[in-house]
Amino acid sequence: CQNVIAYLDSQNRYFEYSVDSIYATFLSMPNV
């Protein structure tokens, strides 16, 4: 159970990083 919780936490961090990266790309698109 602890391993599953740690795995879900890591996936959540990856998801948040992906969302932030996509938003940063969206903000930089007018200059590209």
All heavy atoms as atom14 arrays in JSON, in Angstrom:
{
  "sequence": "CQNVIAYLDSQNRYFEYSVDSIYATFLSMPNV",
  "atom14_mask": [
    [1, 1, 1, 1, 1, 1, 0, 0, 0, 0, 0, 0, 0, 0],
    [1, 1, 1, 1, 1, 1, 1, 1, 1, 0, 0, 0, 0, 0],
    [1, 1, 1, 1, 1, 1, 1, 1, 0, 0, 0, 0, 0, 0],
    [1, 1, 1, 1, 1, 1, 1, 0, 0, 0, 0, 0, 0, 0],
    [1, 1, 1, 1, 1, 1, 1, 1, 0, 0, 0, 0, 0, 0],
    [1, 1, 1, 1, 1, 0, 0, 0, 0, 0, 0, 0, 0, 0],
    [1, 1, 1, 1, 1, 1, 1, 1, 1, 1, 1, 1, 0, 0],
    [1, 1, 1, 1, 1, 1, 1, 1, 0, 0, 0, 0, 0, 0],
    [1, 1, 1, 1, 1, 1, 1, 1, 0, 0, 0, 0, 0, 0],
    [1, 1, 1, 1, 1, 1, 0, 0, 0, 0, 0, 0, 0, 0],
    [1, 1, 1, 1, 1, 1, 1, 1, 1, 0, 0, 0, 0, 0],
    [1, 1, 1, 1, 1, 1, 1, 1, 0, 0, 0, 0, 0, 0],
    [1, 1, 1, 1, 1, 1, 1, 1, 1, 1, 1, 0, 0, 0],
    [1, 1, 1, 1, 1, 1, 1, 1, 1, 1, 1, 1, 0, 0],
    [1, 1, 1, 1, 1, 1, 1, 1, 1, 1, 1, 0, 0, 0],
    [1, 1, 1, 1, 1, 1, 1, 1, 1, 0, 0, 0, 0, 0],
    [1, 1, 1, 1, 1, 1, 1, 1, 1, 1, 1, 1, 0, 0],
    [1, 1, 1, 1, 1, 1, 0, 0, 0, 0, 0, 0, 0, 0],
    [1, 1, 1, 1, 1, 1, 1, 0, 0, 0, 0, 0, 0, 0],
    [1, 1, 1, 1, 1, 1, 1, 1, 0, 0, 0, 0, 0, 0],
    [1, 1, 1, 1, 1, 1, 0, 0, 0, 0, 0, 0, 0, 0],
    [1, 1, 1, 1, 1, 1, 1, 1, 0, 0, 0, 0, 0, 0],
    [1, 1, 1, 1, 1, 1, 1, 1, 1, 1, 1, 1, 0, 0],
    [1, 1, 1, 1, 1, 0, 0, 0, 0, 0, 0, 0, 0, 0],
    [1, 1, 1, 1, 1, 1, 1, 0, 0, 0, 0, 0, 0, 0],
    [1, 1, 1, 1, 1, 1, 1, 1, 1, 1, 1, 0, 0, 0],
    [1, 1, 1, 1, 1, 1, 1, 1, 0, 0, 0, 0, 0, 0],
    [1, 1, 1, 1, 1, 1, 0, 0, 0, 0, 0, 0, 0, 0],
    [1, 1, 1, 1, 1, 1, 1, 1, 0, 0, 0, 0, 0, 0],
    [1, 1, 1, 1, 1, 1, 1, 0, 0, 0, 0, 0, 0, 0],
    [1, 1, 1, 1, 1, 1, 1, 1, 0, 0, 0, 0, 0, 0],
    [1, 1, 1, 1, 1, 1, 1, 0, 0, 0, 0, 0, 0, 0]
  ],
  "atom14_positions": [
    [[0.82, -1.21, 0.0], [0.0, 0.0, 0.0], [0.86, 1.27, 0.0], [0.57, 2.24, -0.7], [-0.93, 0.0, 1.21], [-2.2, -1.29, 1.18], [0.0, 0.0, 0.0], [0.0, 0.0, 0.0], [0.0, 0.0, 0.0], [0.0, 0.0, 0.0], [0.0, 0.0, 0.0], [0.0, 0.0, 0.0], [0.0, 0.0, 0.0], [0.0, 0.0, 0.0]],
    [[1.92, 1.24, 0.8], [2.83, 2.39, 0.81], [3.5, 2.57, -0.55], [3.68, 3.7, -1.02], [3.88, 2.2, 1.9], [3.31, 2.31, 3.31], [4.39, 2.14, 4.36], [5.5, 1.72, 4.07], [4.05, 2.47, 5.61], [0.0, 0.0, 0.0], [0.0, 0.0, 0.0], [0.0, 0.0, 0.0], [0.0, 0.0, 0.0], [0.0, 0.0, 0.0]],
    [[3.86, 1.46, -1.18], [4.47, 1.56, -2.52], [3.48, 2.12, -3.53], [3.85, 2.92, -4.4], [4.96, 0.18, -2.97], [6.07, -0.35, -2.08], [6.74, 0.4, -1.39], [6.28, -1.66, -2.09], [0.0, 0.0, 0.0], [0.0, 0.0, 0.0], [0.0, 0.0, 0.0], [0.0, 0.0, 0.0], [0.0, 0.0, 0.0], [0.0, 0.0, 0.0]],
    [[2.22, 1.7, -3.43], [1.2, 2.23, -4.34], [0.99, 3.72, -4.12], [0.86, 4.5, -5.08], [-0.12, 1.45, -4.15], [-1.25, 2.12, -4.92], [0.04, 0.01, -4.61], [0.0, 0.0, 0.0], [0.0, 0.0, 0.0], [0.0, 0.0, 0.0], [0.0, 0.0, 0.0], [0.0, 0.0, 0.0], [0.0, 0.0, 0.0], [0.0, 0.0, 0.0]],
    [[0.94, 4.12, -2.85], [0.78, 5.56, -2.55], [1.96, 6.35, -3.11], [1.78, 7.43, -3.69], [0.63, 5.75, -1.03], [-0.67, 5.13, -0.54], [0.68, 7.24, -0.68], [-0.83, 5.15, 0.98], [0.0, 0.0, 0.0], [0.0, 0.0, 0.0], [0.0, 0.0, 0.0], [0.0, 0.0, 0.0], [0.0, 0.0, 0.0], [0.0, 0.0, 0.0]],
    [[3.17, 5.83, -2.93], [4.34, 6.53, -3.47], [4.28, 6.59, -4.99], [4.65, 7.61, -5.6], [5.61, 5.82, -3.01], [0.0, 0.0, 0.0], [0.0, 0.0, 0.0], [0.0, 0.0, 0.0], [0.0, 0.0, 0.0], [0.0, 0.0, 0.0], [0.0, 0.0, 0.0], [0.0, 0.0, 0.0], [0.0, 0.0, 0.0], [0.0, 0.0, 0.0]],
    [[3.82, 5.52, -5.62], [3.7, 5.51, -7.09], [2.68, 6.53, -7.56], [2.92, 7.27, -8.53], [3.31, 4.1, -7.54], [3.06, 3.99, -9.03], [4.11, 3.97, -9.94], [1.76, 3.93, -9.52], [3.88, 3.87, -11.3], [1.51, 3.84, -10.87], [2.57, 3.81, -11.76], [2.34, 3.72, -13.12], [0.0, 0.0, 0.0], [0.0, 0.0, 0.0]],
    [[1.54, 6.6, -6.88], [0.52, 7.59, -7.25], [1.02, 9.01, -7.04], [0.71, 9.91, -7.83], [-0.75, 7.34, -6.44], [-1.48, 6.01, -6.73], [-2.68, 5.86, -5.8], [-1.91, 5.92, -8.18], [0.0, 0.0, 0.0], [0.0, 0.0, 0.0], [0.0, 0.0, 0.0], [0.0, 0.0, 0.0], [0.0, 0.0, 0.0], [0.0, 0.0, 0.0]],
    [[1.79, 9.22, -5.95], [2.36, 10.56, -5.73], [3.32, 10.95, -6.85], [3.31, 12.1, -7.32], [3.09, 10.6, -4.38], [2.12, 10.54, -3.21], [0.93, 10.87, -3.41], [2.55, 10.17, -2.1], [0.0, 0.0, 0.0], [0.0, 0.0, 0.0], [0.0, 0.0, 0.0], [0.0, 0.0, 0.0], [0.0, 0.0, 0.0], [0.0, 0.0, 0.0]],
    [[4.14, 10.01, -7.28], [5.07, 10.3, -8.38], [4.33, 10.58, -9.68], [4.68, 11.51, -10.43], [6.05, 9.15, -8.57], [5.36, 7.96, -8.96], [0.0, 0.0, 0.0], [0.0, 0.0, 0.0], [0.0, 0.0, 0.0], [0.0, 0.0, 0.0], [0.0, 0.0, 0.0], [0.0, 0.0, 0.0], [0.0, 0.0, 0.0], [0.0, 0.0, 0.0]],
    [[3.26, 9.81, -9.96], [2.46, 10.07, -11.15], [1.77, 11.42, -11.08], [1.65, 12.12, -12.1], [1.43, 8.95, -11.33], [2.02, 7.59, -11.63], [2.81, 7.58, -12.93], [2.4, 8.13, -13.93], [3.97, 6.93, -12.89], [0.0, 0.0, 0.0], [0.0, 0.0, 0.0], [0.0, 0.0, 0.0], [0.0, 0.0, 0.0], [0.0, 0.0, 0.0]],
    [[1.34, 11.79, -9.89], [0.72, 13.1, -9.72], [1.72, 14.22, -9.99], [1.38, 15.24, -10.62], [0.15, 13.21, -8.31], [-0.68, 14.48, -8.12], [-1.29, 14.97, -9.06], [-0.69, 15.0, -6.91], [0.0, 0.0, 0.0], [0.0, 0.0, 0.0], [0.0, 0.0, 0.0], [0.0, 0.0, 0.0], [0.0, 0.0, 0.0], [0.0, 0.0, 0.0]],
    [[2.95, 14.04, -9.53], [3.99, 15.05, -9.8], [4.28, 15.13, -11.29], [4.45, 16.22, -11.83], [5.26, 14.71, -9.02], [5.15, 14.94, -7.52], [6.52, 14.91, -6.86], [7.16, 13.61, -7.05], [7.05, 12.59, -6.2], [6.3, 12.72, -5.11], [7.68, 11.46, -6.43], [0.0, 0.0, 0.0], [0.0, 0.0, 0.0], [0.0, 0.0, 0.0]],
    [[4.34, 13.97, -11.96], [4.56, 13.98, -13.41], [3.41, 14.69, -14.13], [3.63, 15.45, -15.09], [4.69, 12.55, -13.93], [5.95, 11.84, -13.48], [5.97, 10.47, -13.28], [7.12, 12.56, -13.23], [7.13, 9.82, -12.86], [8.28, 11.93, -12.81], [8.27, 10.56, -12.62], [9.41, 9.93, -12.2], [0.0, 0.0, 0.0], [0.0, 0.0, 0.0]],
    [[2.19, 14.45, -13.67], [1.04, 15.09, -14.29], [1.09, 16.61, -14.1], [0.84, 17.38, -15.04], [-0.24, 14.52, -13.68], [-1.5, 15.14, -14.24], [-1.97, 14.79, -15.49], [-2.21, 16.07, -13.48], [-3.12, 15.37, -16.0], [-3.36, 16.64, -13.98], [-3.82, 16.3, -15.25], [0.0, 0.0, 0.0], [0.0, 0.0, 0.0], [0.0, 0.0, 0.0]],
    [[1.41, 17.05, -12.89], [1.5, 18.49, -12.64], [2.62, 19.12, -13.47], [2.47, 20.22, -14.01], [1.75, 18.74, -11.15], [0.57, 18.38, -10.26], [0.87, 18.59, -8.8], [2.05, 18.91, -8.49], [-0.05, 18.44, -7.96], [0.0, 0.0, 0.0], [0.0, 0.0, 0.0], [0.0, 0.0, 0.0], [0.0, 0.0, 0.0], [0.0, 0.0, 0.0]],
    [[3.74, 18.41, -13.58], [4.85, 18.93, -14.41], [4.44, 19.02, -15.87], [4.78, 19.99, -16.57], [6.06, 18.01, -14.25], [7.23, 18.39, -15.13], [8.04, 19.48, -14.82], [7.51, 17.66, -16.28], [9.1, 19.84, -15.62], [8.57, 18.01, -17.1], [9.36, 19.09, -16.77], [10.41, 19.44, -17.59], [0.0, 0.0, 0.0], [0.0, 0.0, 0.0]],
    [[3.68, 18.03, -16.35], [3.22, 18.06, -17.75], [2.28, 19.22, -17.99], [2.37, 19.92, -19.0], [2.55, 16.73, -18.1], [3.43, 15.64, -17.93], [0.0, 0.0, 0.0], [0.0, 0.0, 0.0], [0.0, 0.0, 0.0], [0.0, 0.0, 0.0], [0.0, 0.0, 0.0], [0.0, 0.0, 0.0], [0.0, 0.0, 0.0], [0.0, 0.0, 0.0]],
    [[1.35, 19.43, -17.04], [0.41, 20.55, -17.17], [1.15, 21.88, -17.17], [0.87, 22.77, -17.99], [-0.64, 20.48, -16.05], [-1.51, 21.74, -16.06], [-1.51, 19.24, -16.2], [0.0, 0.0, 0.0], [0.0, 0.0, 0.0], [0.0, 0.0, 0.0], [0.0, 0.0, 0.0], [0.0, 0.0, 0.0], [0.0, 0.0, 0.0], [0.0, 0.0, 0.0]],
    [[2.11, 22.04, -16.27], [2.88, 23.28, -16.22], [3.69, 23.48, -17.5], [3.8, 24.61, -18.01], [3.81, 23.28, -15.0], [3.04, 23.29, -13.69], [1.87, 23.7, -13.7], [3.62, 22.87, -12.67], [0.0, 0.0, 0.0], [0.0, 0.0, 0.0], [0.0, 0.0, 0.0], [0.0, 0.0, 0.0], [0.0, 0.0, 0.0], [0.0, 0.0, 0.0]],
    [[4.25, 22.41, -18.03], [5.04, 22.52, -19.26], [4.15, 22.9, -20.44], [4.52, 23.73, -21.28], [5.76, 21.21, -19.54], [6.65, 20.88, -18.48], [0.0, 0.0, 0.0], [0.0, 0.0, 0.0], [0.0, 0.0, 0.0], [0.0, 0.0, 0.0], [0.0, 0.0, 0.0], [0.0, 0.0, 0.0], [0.0, 0.0, 0.0], [0.0, 0.0, 0.0]],
    [[2.97, 22.3, -20.51], [2.05, 22.63, -21.61], [1.6, 24.08, -21.5], [1.52, 24.8, -22.51], [0.85, 21.67, -21.59], [1.3, 20.24, -21.93], [-0.22, 22.12, -22.58], [0.22, 19.2, -21.79], [0.0, 0.0, 0.0], [0.0, 0.0, 0.0], [0.0, 0.0, 0.0], [0.0, 0.0, 0.0], [0.0, 0.0, 0.0], [0.0, 0.0, 0.0]],
    [[1.33, 24.54, -20.3], [0.92, 25.93, -20.11], [2.05, 26.89, -20.47], [1.83, 27.94, -21.09], [0.46, 26.14, -18.68], [-0.09, 27.54, -18.43], [-1.29, 27.95, -19.0], [0.61, 28.44, -17.65], [-1.79, 29.22, -18.77], [0.13, 29.71, -17.42], [-1.08, 30.1, -17.98], [-1.56, 31.37, -17.77], [0.0, 0.0, 0.0], [0.0, 0.0, 0.0]],
    [[3.29, 26.54, -20.08], [4.44, 27.39, -20.44], [4.62, 27.42, -21.96], [4.94, 28.48, -22.54], [5.7, 26.86, -19.77], [0.0, 0.0, 0.0], [0.0, 0.0, 0.0], [0.0, 0.0, 0.0], [0.0, 0.0, 0.0], [0.0, 0.0, 0.0], [0.0, 0.0, 0.0], [0.0, 0.0, 0.0], [0.0, 0.0, 0.0], [0.0, 0.0, 0.0]],
    [[4.4, 26.3, -22.61], [4.48, 26.27, -24.08], [3.39, 27.13, -24.7], [3.62, 27.85, -25.68], [4.36, 24.83, -24.58], [5.38, 24.03, -23.95], [4.53, 24.76, -26.09], [0.0, 0.0, 0.0], [0.0, 0.0, 0.0], [0.0, 0.0, 0.0], [0.0, 0.0, 0.0], [0.0, 0.0, 0.0], [0.0, 0.0, 0.0], [0.0, 0.0, 0.0]],
    [[2.19, 27.1, -24.11], [1.1, 27.94, -24.6], [1.43, 29.42, -24.48], [1.14, 30.22, -25.37], [-0.18, 27.6, -23.83], [-1.29, 28.6, -24.03], [-2.0, 28.64, -25.21], [-1.6, 29.5, -23.02], [-3.01, 29.57, -25.4], [-2.62, 30.42, -23.2], [-3.33, 30.46, -24.39], [0.0, 0.0, 0.0], [0.0, 0.0, 0.0], [0.0, 0.0, 0.0]],
    [[2.07, 29.8, -23.36], [2.43, 31.21, -23.18], [3.51, 31.66, -24.15], [3.57, 32.83, -24.54], [2.89, 31.44, -21.73], [1.83, 31.27, -20.64], [2.45, 31.5, -19.27], [0.64, 32.19, -20.86], [0.0, 0.0, 0.0], [0.0, 0.0, 0.0], [0.0, 0.0, 0.0], [0.0, 0.0, 0.0], [0.0, 0.0, 0.0], [0.0, 0.0, 0.0]],
    [[4.39, 30.74, -24.55], [5.49, 31.11, -25.46], [5.12, 30.99, -26.93], [5.91, 31.39, -27.78], [6.71, 30.22, -25.18], [6.4, 28.85, -25.43], [0.0, 0.0, 0.0], [0.0, 0.0, 0.0], [0.0, 0.0, 0.0], [0.0, 0.0, 0.0], [0.0, 0.0, 0.0], [0.0, 0.0, 0.0], [0.0, 0.0, 0.0], [0.0, 0.0, 0.0]],
    [[3.95, 30.45, -27.25], [3.57, 30.27, -28.65], [3.41, 31.57, -29.43], [3.74, 31.61, -30.61], [2.28, 29.45, -28.73], [2.47, 27.98, -28.44], [3.71, 27.22, -29.52], [2.87, 27.35, -31.1], [0.0, 0.0, 0.0], [0.0, 0.0, 0.0], [0.0, 0.0, 0.0], [0.0, 0.0, 0.0], [0.0, 0.0, 0.0], [0.0, 0.0, 0.0]],
    [[2.86, 32.67, -28.85], [2.76, 33.9, -29.65], [4.09, 34.4, -30.18], [4.13, 35.1, -31.2], [2.13, 34.91, -28.66], [1.39, 34.06, -27.69], [2.21, 32.81, -27.54], [0.0, 0.0, 0.0], [0.0, 0.0, 0.0], [0.0, 0.0, 0.0], [0.0, 0.0, 0.0], [0.0, 0.0, 0.0], [0.0, 0.0, 0.0], [0.0, 0.0, 0.0]],
    [[5.2, 34.09, -29.49], [6.51, 34.54, -29.95], [7.16, 33.55, -30.91], [8.24, 33.83, -31.44], [7.44, 34.75, -28.75], [6.92, 35.82, -27.82], [6.3, 36.79, -28.25], [7.14, 35.66, -26.52], [0.0, 0.0, 0.0], [0.0, 0.0, 0.0], [0.0, 0.0, 0.0], [0.0, 0.0, 0.0], [0.0, 0.0, 0.0], [0.0, 0.0, 0.0]],
    [[6.54, 32.41, -31.12], [7.11, 31.39, -32.01], [6.18, 31.29, -33.22], [5.13, 30.63, -33.15], [7.24, 30.03, -31.29], [7.84, 29.0, -32.21], [8.09, 30.17, -30.03], [0.0, 0.0, 0.0], [0.0, 0.0, 0.0], [0.0, 0.0, 0.0], [0.0, 0.0, 0.0], [0.0, 0.0, 0.0], [0.0, 0.0, 0.0], [0.0, 0.0, 0.0]]
  ]
}
